[in-house]
């Protein structure tokens, strides 16, 4: 699974407008979510099929989302944008 996710174009940091919630999609199929000043507020695994993403939090919570284009993720009623590194 790690090799598959390493090559996936959606791996990286996704941030809500204003930066309050940040999802880092890691290349090993895991994610790390920060909320405000709380780093690693939620962690778990994810799987991407096409433009759909499923999340399984380590606490048992599940969620999903949809990549509407290469730089925009809709998840949980929120809009995340790809954070680019300069």
C-alpha atoms as a PDB file:
ATOM      1  CA  UNK A   1       0.000   0.000   0.000  1.00  0.00           C
ATOM      2  CA  UNK A   2       2.828   2.426   0.783  1.00  0.00           C
ATOM      3  CA  UNK A   3       4.202   2.331  -2.764  1.00  0.00           C
ATOM      4  CA  UNK A   4       0.746   2.997  -4.203  1.00  0.00           C
ATOM      5  CA  UNK A   5       0.109   6.016  -1.978  1.00  0.00           C
ATOM      6  CA  UNK A   6       3.616   7.402  -2.486  1.00  0.00           C
ATOM      7  CA  UNK A   7       2.803   7.872  -6.156  1.00  0.00           C
ATOM      8  CA  UNK A   8      -0.701   9.208  -5.582  1.00  0.00           C
ATOM      9  CA  UNK A   9      -1.116  12.830  -6.676  1.00  0.00           C
ATOM     10  CA  UNK A  10      -3.248  13.716  -3.628  1.00  0.00           C
ATOM     11  CA  UNK A  11      -0.527  12.972  -1.045  1.00  0.00           C
ATOM     12  CA  UNK A  12       0.437  16.137   0.849  1.00  0.00           C
ATOM     13  CA  UNK A  13      -1.068  18.867   3.011  1.00  0.00           C
ATOM     14  CA  UNK A  14      -4.698  19.992   2.664  1.00  0.00           C
ATOM     15  CA  UNK A  15      -5.849  23.082   4.574  1.00  0.00           C
ATOM     16  CA  UNK A  16      -9.180  24.842   5.151  1.00  0.00           C
ATOM     17  CA  UNK A  17      -9.411  28.510   4.254  1.00  0.00           C
ATOM     18  CA  UNK A  18      -8.025  30.335   7.285  1.00  0.00           C
ATOM     19  CA  UNK A  19      -5.803  27.356   8.131  1.00  0.00           C
ATOM     20  CA  UNK A  20      -7.773  26.104  11.159  1.00  0.00           C
ATOM     21  CA  UNK A  21      -7.917  22.449  10.026  1.00  0.00           C
ATOM     22  CA  UNK A  22      -5.019  20.740   8.301  1.00  0.00           C
ATOM     23  CA  UNK A  23      -5.013  17.203   6.873  1.00  0.00           C
ATOM     24  CA  UNK A  24      -1.666  15.754   5.954  1.00  0.00           C
ATOM     25  CA  UNK A  25      -2.119  12.745   3.688  1.00  0.00           C
ATOM     26  CA  UNK A  26       1.048  10.753   4.250  1.00  0.00           C
ATOM     27  CA  UNK A  27       2.587   8.511   1.572  1.00  0.00           C
ATOM     28  CA  UNK A  28       2.129   5.389   3.737  1.00  0.00           C
ATOM     29  CA  UNK A  29      -1.693   5.577   3.662  1.00  0.00           C
ATOM     30  CA  UNK A  30      -1.972   7.332   7.031  1.00  0.00           C
ATOM     31  CA  UNK A  31      -3.198  10.844   7.765  1.00  0.00           C
ATOM     32  CA  UNK A  32      -2.512  13.344  10.521  1.00  0.00           C
ATOM     33  CA  UNK A  33      -5.065  16.077  11.215  1.00  0.00           C
ATOM     34  CA  UNK A  34      -4.327  19.265  13.158  1.00  0.00           C
ATOM     35  CA  UNK A  35      -7.025  21.620  14.459  1.00  0.00           C
ATOM     36  CA  UNK A  36      -6.038  25.127  15.455  1.00  0.00           C
ATOM     37  CA  UNK A  37      -3.031  24.864  17.769  1.00  0.00           C
ATOM     38  CA  UNK A  38      -3.728  21.188  18.479  1.00  0.00           C
ATOM     39  CA  UNK A  39      -1.241  19.203  16.402  1.00  0.00           C
ATOM     40  CA  UNK A  40      -2.109  15.560  15.666  1.00  0.00           C
ATOM     41  CA  UNK A  41      -5.674  16.033  16.920  1.00  0.00           C
ATOM     42  CA  UNK A  42      -6.756  13.022  14.864  1.00  0.00           C
ATOM     43  CA  UNK A  43      -4.799  10.302  13.137  1.00  0.00           C
ATOM     44  CA  UNK A  44      -5.751   7.263  11.123  1.00  0.00           C
ATOM     45  CA  UNK A  45      -5.604   5.665   7.728  1.00  0.00           C
ATOM     46  CA  UNK A  46      -7.095   6.657   4.409  1.00  0.00           C
ATOM     47  CA  UNK A  47      -7.782   5.121   1.041  1.00  0.00           C
ATOM     48  CA  UNK A  48      -8.328   6.908  -2.269  1.00  0.00           C
ATOM     49  CA  UNK A  49     -10.301   5.431  -5.160  1.00  0.00           C
ATOM     50  CA  UNK A  50     -10.584   7.770  -8.122  1.00  0.00           C
ATOM     51  CA  UNK A  51     -11.561  11.131  -6.657  1.00  0.00           C
ATOM     52  CA  UNK A  52     -13.143   9.642  -3.481  1.00  0.00           C
ATOM     53  CA  UNK A  53     -11.327   9.407  -0.119  1.00  0.00           C
ATOM     54  CA  UNK A  54     -12.334   7.302   2.881  1.00  0.00           C
ATOM     55  CA  UNK A  55     -10.912   7.964   6.359  1.00  0.00           C
ATOM     56  CA  UNK A  56     -10.708   5.538   9.298  1.00  0.00           C
ATOM     57  CA  UNK A  57      -9.686   7.359  12.463  1.00  0.00           C
ATOM     58  CA  UNK A  58      -7.701   5.392  15.057  1.00  0.00           C
ATOM     59  CA  UNK A  59     -10.597   5.941  17.513  1.00  0.00           C
ATOM     60  CA  UNK A  60     -13.053   4.175  15.166  1.00  0.00           C
ATOM     61  CA  UNK A  61     -14.639   7.249  13.545  1.00  0.00           C
ATOM     62  CA  UNK A  62     -15.126   7.035   9.776  1.00  0.00           C
ATOM     63  CA  UNK A  63     -15.570   9.793   7.207  1.00  0.00           C
ATOM     64  CA  UNK A  64     -15.207  10.410   3.511  1.00  0.00           C
ATOM     65  CA  UNK A  65     -14.664  13.169   1.021  1.00  0.00           C
ATOM     66  CA  UNK A  66     -14.346  14.034  -2.640  1.00  0.00           C
ATOM     67  CA  UNK A  67     -11.556  15.694  -4.588  1.00  0.00           C
ATOM     68  CA  UNK A  68     -13.461  18.048  -6.883  1.00  0.00           C
ATOM     69  CA  UNK A  69     -10.282  18.973  -8.735  1.00  0.00           C
ATOM     70  CA  UNK A  70      -6.543  18.464  -8.236  1.00  0.00           C
ATOM     71  CA  UNK A  71      -6.342  21.241  -5.622  1.00  0.00           C
ATOM     72  CA  UNK A  72      -9.736  21.095  -3.835  1.00  0.00           C
ATOM     73  CA  UNK A  73     -11.096  18.536  -1.360  1.00  0.00           C
ATOM     74  CA  UNK A  74     -14.655  18.596   0.016  1.00  0.00           C
ATOM     75  CA  UNK A  75     -14.852  16.773   3.357  1.00  0.00           C
ATOM     76  CA  UNK A  76     -17.264  17.019   6.286  1.00  0.00           C
ATOM     77  CA  UNK A  77     -18.990  20.118   4.930  1.00  0.00           C
ATOM     78  CA  UNK A  78     -15.638  21.891   4.634  1.00  0.00           C
ATOM     79  CA  UNK A  79     -13.456  22.855   1.706  1.00  0.00           C
ATOM     80  CA  UNK A  80      -9.750  22.023   1.854  1.00  0.00           C
ATOM     81  CA  UNK A  81      -7.167  23.423  -0.527  1.00  0.00           C
ATOM     82  CA  UNK A  82      -3.876  21.830  -1.412  1.00  0.00           C
ATOM     83  CA  UNK A  83      -1.071  23.608   0.379  1.00  0.00           C
ATOM     84  CA  UNK A  84       1.844  24.127  -1.944  1.00  0.00           C
ATOM     85  CA  UNK A  85       5.424  24.296  -0.758  1.00  0.00           C
ATOM     86  CA  UNK A  86       7.599  27.010  -2.227  1.00  0.00           C
END
